[in-house]
Amino acid sequence: MYVIVKAGGRQEKVSVGDTIFVDRIDAATGASVNFPALLVVDGEAVTSDPSALAAVKVTGEIVEEVKGPKIHILRYKNKTGYRRRQGFRSKNTRVKITAINGVK
């Protein structure tokens, strides 16, 4: 069984025991978080009805805060000597999925 959840502006495919990276969640390590379910696949049964999905709770535990990969940004204009270099690393949270409740 797996569930598609909305996490950090994206959709993630999760099942119990999976570890996912989401945008930073402002909570302490070891805290519990809930994610809204968008789709539940249990063998041959697929649930996408919003009223049935309202009862499904996907619970996870925050493992740690991590930084994403470095992104190099370079602005350059030809023949003018204009160059600007910049870097960026996103702040992410690693979450371990502990339970999926409410699935019939």
PDB file of N, CA and C in Angstrom:
ATOM      1  N   MET A   1       0.843  -1.171   0.000  1.00  0.00           N
ATOM      2  CA  MET A   1       0.000   0.000   0.000  1.00  0.00           C
ATOM      3  C   MET A   1       0.896   1.245   0.000  1.00  0.00           C
ATOM      4  N   TYR A   2       0.506   2.234  -0.801  1.00  0.00           N
ATOM      5  CA  TYR A   2       1.197   3.508  -0.780  1.00  0.00           C
ATOM      6  C   TYR A   2       0.193   4.642  -0.915  1.00  0.00           C
ATOM      7  N   VAL A   3       0.643   5.836  -0.553  1.00  0.00           N
ATOM      8  CA  VAL A   3      -0.207   7.026  -0.550  1.00  0.00           C
ATOM      9  C   VAL A   3       0.552   8.155  -1.228  1.00  0.00           C
ATOM     10  N   ILE A   4      -0.164   8.950  -2.015  1.00  0.00           N
ATOM     11  CA  ILE A   4       0.391  10.180  -2.562  1.00  0.00           C
ATOM     12  C   ILE A   4      -0.027  11.302  -1.611  1.00  0.00           C
ATOM     13  N   VAL A   5       0.953  12.010  -1.047  1.00  0.00           N
ATOM     14  CA  VAL A   5       0.668  13.081  -0.090  1.00  0.00           C
ATOM     15  C   VAL A   5       1.168  14.408  -0.639  1.00  0.00           C
ATOM     16  N   LYS A   6       0.586  15.481  -0.123  1.00  0.00           N
ATOM     17  CA  LYS A   6       1.033  16.826  -0.473  1.00  0.00           C
ATOM     18  C   LYS A   6       2.007  17.267   0.621  1.00  0.00           C
ATOM     19  N   ALA A   7       3.241  17.522   0.221  1.00  0.00           N
ATOM     20  CA  ALA A   7       4.277  17.873   1.190  1.00  0.00           C
ATOM     21  C   ALA A   7       5.166  18.957   0.619  1.00  0.00           C
ATOM     22  N   GLY A   8       5.125  20.126   1.210  1.00  0.00           N
ATOM     23  CA  GLY A   8       6.029  21.191   0.811  1.00  0.00           C
ATOM     24  C   GLY A   8       5.820  21.694  -0.602  1.00  0.00           C
ATOM     25  N   GLY A   9       4.578  21.779  -1.069  1.00  0.00           N
ATOM     26  CA  GLY A   9       4.305  22.280  -2.399  1.00  0.00           C
ATOM     27  C   GLY A   9       4.481  21.251  -3.497  1.00  0.00           C
ATOM     28  N   ARG A  10       4.845  20.044  -3.141  1.00  0.00           N
ATOM     29  CA  ARG A  10       5.019  18.964  -4.106  1.00  0.00           C
ATOM     30  C   ARG A  10       4.208  17.762  -3.667  1.00  0.00           C
ATOM     31  N   GLN A  11       4.129  16.763  -4.531  1.00  0.00           N
ATOM     32  CA  GLN A  11       3.460  15.517  -4.202  1.00  0.00           C
ATOM     33  C   GLN A  11       4.508  14.426  -4.075  1.00  0.00           C
ATOM     34  N   GLU A  12       4.385  13.626  -3.024  1.00  0.00           N
ATOM     35  CA  GLU A  12       5.354  12.567  -2.755  1.00  0.00           C
ATOM     36  C   GLU A  12       4.629  11.238  -2.624  1.00  0.00           C
ATOM     37  N   LYS A  13       5.226  10.189  -3.145  1.00  0.00           N
ATOM     38  CA  LYS A  13       4.707   8.832  -2.990  1.00  0.00           C
ATOM     39  C   LYS A  13       5.360   8.219  -1.759  1.00  0.00           C
ATOM     40  N   VAL A  14       4.542   7.833  -0.753  1.00  0.00           N
ATOM     41  CA  VAL A  14       5.085   7.320   0.502  1.00  0.00           C
ATOM     42  C   VAL A  14       4.374   6.044   0.926  1.00  0.00           C
ATOM     43  N   SER A  15       5.072   5.248   1.688  1.00  0.00           N
ATOM     44  CA  SER A  15       4.498   4.108   2.390  1.00  0.00           C
ATOM     45  C   SER A  15       5.156   4.083   3.765  1.00  0.00           C
ATOM     46  N   VAL A  16       4.671   3.241   4.655  1.00  0.00           N
ATOM     47  CA  VAL A  16       5.186   3.204   6.024  1.00  0.00           C
ATOM     48  C   VAL A  16       6.656   2.790   6.001  1.00  0.00           C
ATOM     49  N   GLY A  17       7.480   3.554   6.716  1.00  0.00           N
ATOM     50  CA  GLY A  17       8.910   3.277   6.789  1.00  0.00           C
ATOM     51  C   GLY A  17       9.750   4.082   5.819  1.00  0.00           C
ATOM     52  N   ASP A  18       9.133   4.771   4.865  1.00  0.00           N
ATOM     53  CA  ASP A  18       9.886   5.580   3.902  1.00  0.00           C
ATOM     54  C   ASP A  18      10.418   6.847   4.556  1.00  0.00           C
ATOM     55  N   THR A  19      11.499   7.359   4.013  1.00  0.00           N
ATOM     56  CA  THR A  19      12.059   8.637   4.433  1.00  0.00           C
ATOM     57  C   THR A  19      11.999   9.587   3.248  1.00  0.00           C
ATOM     58  N   ILE A  20      11.434  10.776   3.468  1.00  0.00           N
ATOM     59  CA  ILE A  20      11.300  11.750   2.387  1.00  0.00           C
ATOM     60  C   ILE A  20      11.942  13.069   2.801  1.00  0.00           C
ATOM     61  N   PHE A  21      12.328  13.861   1.813  1.00  0.00           N
ATOM     62  CA  PHE A  21      12.832  15.206   2.027  1.00  0.00           C
ATOM     63  C   PHE A  21      11.742  16.179   1.614  1.00  0.00           C
ATOM     64  N   VAL A  22      11.388  17.099   2.502  1.00  0.00           N
ATOM     65  CA  VAL A  22      10.389  18.118   2.208  1.00  0.00           C
ATOM     66  C   VAL A  22      10.984  19.480   2.524  1.00  0.00           C
ATOM     67  N   ASP A  23      10.323  20.543   2.071  1.00  0.00           N
ATOM     68  CA  ASP A  23      10.762  21.884   2.428  1.00  0.00           C
ATOM     69  C   ASP A  23      10.758  22.017   3.946  1.00  0.00           C
ATOM     70  N   ARG A  24      11.556  22.930   4.449  1.00  0.00           N
ATOM     71  CA  ARG A  24      11.774  23.045   5.892  1.00  0.00           C
ATOM     72  C   ARG A  24      10.462  23.158   6.659  1.00  0.00           C
ATOM     73  N   ILE A  25      10.341  22.336   7.709  1.00  0.00           N
ATOM     74  CA  ILE A  25       9.212  22.381   8.632  1.00  0.00           C
ATOM     75  C   ILE A  25       9.741  22.925   9.944  1.00  0.00           C
ATOM     76  N   ASP A  26       9.091  23.951  10.476  1.00  0.00           N
ATOM     77  CA  ASP A  26       9.547  24.592  11.699  1.00  0.00           C
ATOM     78  C   ASP A  26       9.050  23.810  12.908  1.00  0.00           C
ATOM     79  N   ALA A  27       9.746  22.727  13.230  1.00  0.00           N
ATOM     80  CA  ALA A  27       9.425  21.902  14.391  1.00  0.00           C
ATOM     81  C   ALA A  27      10.709  21.213  14.848  1.00  0.00           C
ATOM     82  N   ALA A  28      10.701  20.745  16.084  1.00  0.00           N
ATOM     83  CA  ALA A  28      11.881  20.119  16.658  1.00  0.00           C
ATOM     84  C   ALA A  28      12.064  18.700  16.127  1.00  0.00           C
ATOM     85  N   THR A  29      13.293  18.208  16.230  1.00  0.00           N
ATOM     86  CA  THR A  29      13.583  16.828  15.860  1.00  0.00           C
ATOM     87  C   THR A  29      12.806  15.883  16.766  1.00  0.00           C
ATOM     88  N   GLY A  30      12.169  14.890  16.171  1.00  0.00           N
ATOM     89  CA  GLY A  30      11.364  13.945  16.935  1.00  0.00           C
ATOM     90  C   GLY A  30       9.892  14.326  16.997  1.00  0.00           C
ATOM     91  N   ALA A  31       9.541  15.518  16.516  1.00  0.00           N
ATOM     92  CA  ALA A  31       8.144  15.950  16.527  1.00  0.00           C
ATOM     93  C   ALA A  31       7.353  15.197  15.464  1.00  0.00           C
ATOM     94  N   SER A  32       6.052  15.120  15.671  1.00  0.00           N
ATOM     95  CA  SER A  32       5.166  14.421  14.742  1.00  0.00           C
ATOM     96  C   SER A  32       4.507  15.423  13.800  1.00  0.00           C
ATOM     97  N   VAL A  33       4.399  15.057  12.523  1.00  0.00           N
ATOM     98  CA  VAL A  33       3.740  15.912  11.522  1.00  0.00           C
ATOM     99  C   VAL A  33       2.730  15.075  10.746  1.00  0.00           C
ATOM    100  N   ASN A  34       1.687  15.727  10.262  1.00  0.00           N
ATOM    101  CA  ASN A  34       0.658  15.071   9.456  1.00  0.00           C
ATOM    102  C   ASN A  34       0.665  15.653   8.052  1.00  0.00           C
ATOM    103  N   PHE A  35       0.398  14.802   7.072  1.00  0.00           N
ATOM    104  CA  PHE A  35       0.334  15.220   5.685  1.00  0.00           C
ATOM    105  C   PHE A  35      -1.043  14.873   5.125  1.00  0.00           C
ATOM    106  N   PRO A  36      -1.633  15.739   4.297  1.00  0.00           N
ATOM    107  CA  PRO A  36      -2.915  15.408   3.660  1.00  0.00           C
ATOM    108  C   PRO A  36      -2.717  14.419   2.519  1.00  0.00           C
ATOM    109  N   ALA A  37      -3.598  13.432   2.455  1.00  0.00           N
ATOM    110  CA  ALA A  37      -3.517  12.403   1.413  1.00  0.00           C
ATOM    111  C   ALA A  37      -4.282  12.865   0.174  1.00  0.00           C
ATOM    112  N   LEU A  38      -3.713  12.617  -0.998  1.00  0.00           N
ATOM    113  CA  LEU A  38      -4.360  12.959  -2.263  1.00  0.00           C
ATOM    114  C   LEU A  38      -4.844  11.726  -3.008  1.00  0.00           C
ATOM    115  N   LEU A  39      -4.193  10.576  -2.752  1.00  0.00           N
ATOM    116  CA  LEU A  39      -4.537   9.330  -3.431  1.00  0.00           C
ATOM    117  C   LEU A  39      -4.041   8.169  -2.579  1.00  0.00           C
ATOM    118  N   VAL A  40      -4.871   7.138  -2.456  1.00  0.00           N
ATOM    119  CA  VAL A  40      -4.482   5.944  -1.711  1.00  0.00           C
ATOM    120  C   VAL A  40      -4.578   4.745  -2.643  1.00  0.00           C
ATOM    121  N   VAL A  41      -3.490   3.968  -2.754  1.00  0.00           N
ATOM    122  CA  VAL A  41      -3.479   2.756  -3.562  1.00  0.00           C
ATOM    123  C   VAL A  41      -3.204   1.593  -2.623  1.00  0.00           C
ATOM    124  N   ASP A  42      -4.198   0.695  -2.498  1.00  0.00           N
ATOM    125  CA  ASP A  42      -4.087  -0.475  -1.625  1.00  0.00           C
ATOM    126  C   ASP A  42      -4.347  -1.709  -2.470  1.00  0.00           C
ATOM    127  N   GLY A  43      -3.282  -2.256  -3.054  1.00  0.00           N
ATOM    128  CA  GLY A  43      -3.431  -3.390  -3.957  1.00  0.00           C
ATOM    129  C   GLY A  43      -4.151  -2.955  -5.226  1.00  0.00           C
ATOM    130  N   GLU A  44      -5.343  -3.527  -5.471  1.00  0.00           N
ATOM    131  CA  GLU A  44      -6.142  -3.163  -6.639  1.00  0.00           C
ATOM    132  C   GLU A  44      -7.069  -1.984  -6.366  1.00  0.00           C
ATOM    133  N   ALA A  45      -7.292  -1.663  -5.087  1.00  0.00           N
ATOM    134  CA  ALA A  45      -8.218  -0.579  -4.717  1.00  0.00           C
ATOM    135  C   ALA A  45      -7.507   0.770  -4.764  1.00  0.00           C
ATOM    136  N   VAL A  46      -8.063   1.696  -5.534  1.00  0.00           N
ATOM    137  CA  VAL A  46      -7.535   3.052  -5.634  1.00  0.00           C
ATOM    138  C   VAL A  46      -8.590   4.011  -5.123  1.00  0.00           C
ATOM    139  N   THR A  47      -8.234   4.830  -4.127  1.00  0.00           N
ATOM    140  CA  THR A  47      -9.164   5.779  -3.530  1.00  0.00           C
ATOM    141  C   THR A  47      -8.722   7.189  -3.867  1.00  0.00           C
ATOM    142  N   SER A  48      -9.604   7.937  -4.535  1.00  0.00           N
ATOM    143  CA  SER A  48      -9.299   9.332  -4.850  1.00  0.00           C
ATOM    144  C   SER A  48     -10.453  10.253  -4.475  1.00  0.00           C
ATOM    145  N   ASP A  49     -11.486   9.723  -3.835  1.00  0.00           N
ATOM    146  CA  ASP A  49     -12.654  10.506  -3.433  1.00  0.00           C
ATOM    147  C   ASP A  49     -12.271  11.431  -2.274  1.00  0.00           C
ATOM    148  N   PRO A  50     -12.466  12.750  -2.410  1.00  0.00           N
ATOM    149  CA  PRO A  50     -12.055  13.688  -1.354  1.00  0.00           C
ATOM    150  C   PRO A  50     -12.722  13.431  -0.006  1.00  0.00           C
ATOM    151  N   SER A  51     -13.969  12.978  -0.007  1.00  0.00           N
ATOM    152  CA  SER A  51     -14.629  12.728   1.276  1.00  0.00           C
ATOM    153  C   SER A  51     -14.022  11.515   1.977  1.00  0.00           C
ATOM    154  N   ALA A  52     -13.605  10.506   1.230  1.00  0.00           N
ATOM    155  CA  ALA A  52     -12.955   9.337   1.827  1.00  0.00           C
ATOM    156  C   ALA A  52     -11.525   9.662   2.247  1.00  0.00           C
ATOM    157  N   LEU A  53     -10.851  10.524   1.492  1.00  0.00           N
ATOM    158  CA  LEU A  53      -9.469  10.874   1.819  1.00  0.00           C
ATOM    159  C   LEU A  53      -9.367  11.800   3.022  1.00  0.00           C
ATOM    160  N   ALA A  54     -10.468  12.470   3.372  1.00  0.00           N
ATOM    161  CA  ALA A  54     -10.446  13.348   4.542  1.00  0.00           C
ATOM    162  C   ALA A  54     -10.206  12.562   5.826  1.00  0.00           C
ATOM    163  N   ALA A  55     -10.574  11.271   5.843  1.00  0.00           N
ATOM    164  CA  ALA A  55     -10.386  10.435   7.029  1.00  0.00           C
ATOM    165  C   ALA A  55      -8.994   9.819   7.098  1.00  0.00           C
ATOM    166  N   VAL A  56      -8.232   9.866   6.008  1.00  0.00           N
ATOM    167  CA  VAL A  56      -6.904   9.251   5.972  1.00  0.00           C
ATOM    168  C   VAL A  56      -5.891  10.215   6.582  1.00  0.00           C
ATOM    169  N   LYS A  57      -5.092   9.706   7.529  1.00  0.00           N
ATOM    170  CA  LYS A  57      -4.053  10.504   8.157  1.00  0.00           C
ATOM    171  C   LYS A  57      -2.703   9.835   7.923  1.00  0.00           C
ATOM    172  N   VAL A  58      -1.795  10.575   7.337  1.00  0.00           N
ATOM    173  CA  VAL A  58      -0.436  10.096   7.120  1.00  0.00           C
ATOM    174  C   VAL A  58       0.443  10.828   8.133  1.00  0.00           C
ATOM    175  N   THR A  59       1.052  10.060   9.028  1.00  0.00           N
ATOM    176  CA  THR A  59       1.835  10.628  10.120  1.00  0.00           C
ATOM    177  C   THR A  59       3.311  10.343   9.902  1.00  0.00           C
ATOM    178  N   GLY A  60       4.121  11.351  10.176  1.00  0.00           N
ATOM    179  CA  GLY A  60       5.565  11.195  10.045  1.00  0.00           C
ATOM    180  C   GLY A  60       6.279  11.788  11.242  1.00  0.00           C
ATOM    181  N   GLU A  61       7.543  11.412  11.389  1.00  0.00           N
ATOM    182  CA  GLU A  61       8.372  11.910  12.476  1.00  0.00           C
ATOM    183  C   GLU A  61       9.575  12.631  11.876  1.00  0.00           C
ATOM    184  N   ILE A  62       9.865  13.819  12.382  1.00  0.00           N
ATOM    185  CA  ILE A  62      10.995  14.595  11.878  1.00  0.00           C
ATOM    186  C   ILE A  62      12.293  13.958  12.355  1.00  0.00           C
ATOM    187  N   VAL A  63      13.162  13.636  11.394  1.00  0.00           N
ATOM    188  CA  VAL A  63      14.424  12.986  11.711  1.00  0.00           C
ATOM    189  C   VAL A  63      15.521  14.025  11.901  1.00  0.00           C
ATOM    190  N   GLU A  64      15.675  14.940  10.925  1.00  0.00           N
ATOM    191  CA  GLU A  64      16.713  15.959  11.021  1.00  0.00           C
ATOM    192  C   GLU A  64      16.469  17.068  10.006  1.00  0.00           C
ATOM    193  N   GLU A  65      17.189  18.163  10.204  1.00  0.00           N
ATOM    194  CA  GLU A  65      17.183  19.267   9.255  1.00  0.00           C
ATOM    195  C   GLU A  65      18.452  19.161   8.421  1.00  0.00           C
ATOM    196  N   VAL A  66      18.314  19.278   7.103  1.00  0.00           N
ATOM    197  CA  VAL A  66      19.453  19.155   6.202  1.00  0.00           C
ATOM    198  C   VAL A  66      19.419  20.283   5.184  1.00  0.00           C
ATOM    199  N   LYS A  67      20.547  20.464   4.496  1.00  0.00           N
ATOM    200  CA  LYS A  67      20.606  21.427   3.404  1.00  0.00           C
ATOM    201  C   LYS A  67      20.588  20.680   2.084  1.00  0.00           C
ATOM    202  N   GLY A  68      19.943  21.266   1.107  1.00  0.00           N
ATOM    203  CA  GLY A  68      19.869  20.667  -0.218  1.00  0.00           C
ATOM    204  C   GLY A  68      21.155  20.868  -0.986  1.00  0.00           C
ATOM    205  N   PRO A  69      21.184  20.405  -2.226  1.00  0.00           N
ATOM    206  CA  PRO A  69      22.401  20.567  -3.031  1.00  0.00           C
ATOM    207  C   PRO A  69      22.630  22.033  -3.404  1.00  0.00           C
ATOM    208  N   LYS A  70      23.880  22.365  -3.623  1.00  0.00           N
ATOM    209  CA  LYS A  70      24.229  23.741  -3.980  1.00  0.00           C
ATOM    210  C   LYS A  70      23.841  24.017  -5.422  1.00  0.00           C
ATOM    211  N   ILE A  71      23.196  25.146  -5.631  1.00  0.00           N
ATOM    212  CA  ILE A  71      22.820  25.592  -6.966  1.00  0.00           C
ATOM    213  C   ILE A  71      23.702  26.792  -7.303  1.00  0.00           C
ATOM    214  N   HIS A  72      24.395  26.731  -8.438  1.00  0.00           N
ATOM    215  CA  HIS A  72      25.261  27.821  -8.871  1.00  0.00           C
ATOM    216  C   HIS A  72      24.490  28.700  -9.852  1.00  0.00           C
ATOM    217  N   ILE A  73      24.470  30.000  -9.580  1.00  0.00           N
ATOM    218  CA  ILE A  73      23.761  30.956 -10.419  1.00  0.00           C
ATOM    219  C   ILE A  73      24.809  31.892 -11.018  1.00  0.00           C
ATOM    220  N   LEU A  74      24.808  32.029 -12.329  1.00  0.00           N
ATOM    221  CA  LEU A  74      25.766  32.902 -12.995  1.00  0.00           C
ATOM    222  C   LEU A  74      25.018  33.795 -13.965  1.00  0.00           C
ATOM    223  N   ARG A  75      25.164  35.106 -13.780  1.00  0.00           N
ATOM    224  CA  ARG A  75      24.602  36.073 -14.724  1.00  0.00           C
ATOM    225  C   ARG A  75      25.755  36.635 -15.540  1.00  0.00           C
ATOM    226  N   TYR A  76      25.582  36.706 -16.842  1.00  0.00           N
ATOM    227  CA  TYR A  76      26.659  37.107 -17.734  1.00  0.00           C
ATOM    228  C   TYR A  76      26.071  37.871 -18.908  1.00  0.00           C
ATOM    229  N   LYS A  77      26.706  38.986 -19.244  1.00  0.00           N
ATOM    230  CA  LYS A  77      26.322  39.723 -20.451  1.00  0.00           C
ATOM    231  C   LYS A  77      27.538  39.825 -21.355  1.00  0.00           C
ATOM    232  N   ASN A  78      27.321  39.534 -22.601  1.00  0.00           N
ATOM    233  CA  ASN A  78      28.389  39.498 -23.586  1.00  0.00           C
ATOM    234  C   ASN A  78      28.964  40.893 -23.848  1.00  0.00           C
ATOM    235  N   LYS A  79      30.277  40.972 -23.992  1.00  0.00           N
ATOM    236  CA  LYS A  79      31.017  42.160 -24.439  1.00  0.00           C
ATOM    237  C   LYS A  79      30.996  43.324 -23.459  1.00  0.00           C
ATOM    238  N   THR A  80      30.447  43.183 -22.272  1.00  0.00           N
ATOM    239  CA  THR A  80      30.379  44.305 -21.340  1.00  0.00           C
ATOM    240  C   THR A  80      31.187  44.066 -20.070  1.00  0.00           C
ATOM    241  N   GLY A  81      31.660  42.855 -19.867  1.00  0.00           N
ATOM    242  CA  GLY A  81      32.409  42.549 -18.652  1.00  0.00           C
ATOM    243  C   GLY A  81      31.512  42.340 -17.445  1.00  0.00           C
ATOM    244  N   TYR A  82      30.215  42.205 -17.662  1.00  0.00           N
ATOM    245  CA  TYR A  82      29.270  42.027 -16.563  1.00  0.00           C
ATOM    246  C   TYR A  82      29.169  40.552 -16.195  1.00  0.00           C
ATOM    247  N   ARG A  83      29.560  40.232 -14.966  1.00  0.00           N
ATOM    248  CA  ARG A  83      29.432  38.863 -14.449  1.00  0.00           C
ATOM    249  C   ARG A  83      29.017  38.944 -12.987  1.00  0.00           C
ATOM    250  N   ARG A  84      28.092  38.121 -12.602  1.00  0.00           N
ATOM    251  CA  ARG A  84      27.681  38.019 -11.211  1.00  0.00           C
ATOM    252  C   ARG A  84      27.537  36.541 -10.880  1.00  0.00           C
ATOM    253  N   ARG A  85      28.179  36.134  -9.801  1.00  0.00           N
ATOM    254  CA  ARG A  85      28.104  34.747  -9.376  1.00  0.00           C
ATOM    255  C   ARG A  85      27.406  34.673  -8.026  1.00  0.00           C
ATOM    256  N   GLN A  86      26.505  33.704  -7.887  1.00  0.00           N
ATOM    257  CA  GLN A  86      25.737  33.568  -6.661  1.00  0.00           C
ATOM    258  C   GLN A  86      25.450  32.082  -6.440  1.00  0.00           C
ATOM    259  N   GLY A  87      25.280  31.696  -5.197  1.00  0.00           N
ATOM    260  CA  GLY A  87      24.952  30.312  -4.887  1.00  0.00           C
ATOM    261  C   GLY A  87      23.756  30.251  -3.956  1.00  0.00           C
ATOM    262  N   PHE A  88      23.130  29.066  -3.889  1.00  0.00           N
ATOM    263  CA  PHE A  88      21.942  28.898  -3.054  1.00  0.00           C
ATOM    264  C   PHE A  88      21.844  27.444  -2.601  1.00  0.00           C
ATOM    265  N   ARG A  89      21.499  27.239  -1.335  1.00  0.00           N
ATOM    266  CA  ARG A  89      21.207  25.908  -0.802  1.00  0.00           C
ATOM    267  C   ARG A  89      19.893  25.984  -0.039  1.00  0.00           C
ATOM    268  N   SER A  90      18.938  25.160  -0.429  1.00  0.00           N
ATOM    269  CA  SER A  90      17.641  25.169   0.244  1.00  0.00           C
ATOM    270  C   SER A  90      17.722  24.427   1.566  1.00  0.00           C
ATOM    271  N   LYS A  91      16.889  24.835   2.507  1.00  0.00           N
ATOM    272  CA  LYS A  91      16.809  24.155   3.795  1.00  0.00           C
ATOM    273  C   LYS A  91      15.678  23.139   3.720  1.00  0.00           C
ATOM    274  N   ASN A  92      15.987  21.893   4.024  1.00  0.00           N
ATOM    275  CA  ASN A  92      15.023  20.809   3.931  1.00  0.00           C
ATOM    276  C   ASN A  92      14.901  20.091   5.270  1.00  0.00           C
ATOM    277  N   THR A  93      13.867  19.295   5.387  1.00  0.00           N
ATOM    278  CA  THR A  93      13.644  18.475   6.568  1.00  0.00           C
ATOM    279  C   THR A  93      13.481  17.033   6.120  1.00  0.00           C
ATOM    280  N   ARG A  94      14.164  16.123   6.786  1.00  0.00           N
ATOM    281  CA  ARG A  94      14.025  14.693   6.510  1.00  0.00           C
ATOM    282  C   ARG A  94      12.948  14.146   7.440  1.00  0.00           C
ATOM    283  N   VAL A  95      11.929  13.515   6.846  1.00  0.00           N
ATOM    284  CA  VAL A  95      10.793  12.999   7.608  1.00  0.00           C
ATOM    285  C   VAL A  95      10.654  11.504   7.341  1.00  0.00           C
ATOM    286  N   LYS A  96      10.484  10.723   8.416  1.00  0.00           N
ATOM    287  CA  LYS A  96      10.237   9.290   8.295  1.00  0.00           C
ATOM    288  C   LYS A  96       8.747   9.042   8.511  1.00  0.00           C
ATOM    289  N   ILE A  97       8.112   8.356   7.555  1.00  0.00           N
ATOM    290  CA  ILE A  97       6.680   8.059   7.635  1.00  0.00           C
ATOM    291  C   ILE A  97       6.486   6.912   8.628  1.00  0.00           C
ATOM    292  N   THR A  98       5.658   7.171   9.658  1.00  0.00           N
ATOM    293  CA  THR A  98       5.472   6.184  10.722  1.00  0.00           C
ATOM    294  C   THR A  98       4.145   5.443  10.633  1.00  0.00           C
ATOM    295  N   ALA A  99       3.092   6.093  10.121  1.00  0.00           N
ATOM    296  CA  ALA A  99       1.778   5.425  10.096  1.00  0.00           C
ATOM    297  C   ALA A  99       0.891   6.003   9.016  1.00  0.00           C
ATOM    298  N   ILE A 100      -0.001   5.151   8.507  1.00  0.00           N
ATOM    299  CA  ILE A 100      -1.063   5.565   7.596  1.00  0.00           C
ATOM    300  C   ILE A 100      -2.357   5.043   8.207  1.00  0.00           C
ATOM    301  N   ASN A 101      -3.197   5.937   8.710  1.00  0.00           N
ATOM    302  CA  ASN A 101      -4.414   5.553   9.417  1.00  0.00           C
ATOM    303  C   ASN A 101      -5.650   5.963   8.636  1.00  0.00           C
ATOM    304  N   GLY A 102      -6.726   5.224   8.830  1.00  0.00           N
ATOM    305  CA  GLY A 102      -8.017   5.573   8.231  1.00  0.00           C
ATOM    306  C   GLY A 102      -8.294   4.942   6.892  1.00  0.00           C
ATOM    307  N   VAL A 103      -7.432   4.046   6.422  1.00  0.00           N
ATOM    308  CA  VAL A 103      -7.647   3.388   5.131  1.00  0.00           C
ATOM    309  C   VAL A 103      -8.576   2.200   5.346  1.00  0.00           C
ATOM    310  N   LYS A 104      -9.608   2.125   4.513  1.00  0.00           N
ATOM    311  CA  LYS A 104     -10.577   1.031   4.657  1.00  0.00           C
ATOM    312  C   LYS A 104     -10.222  -0.112   3.740  1.00  0.00           C
TER     313      LYS A 104
END
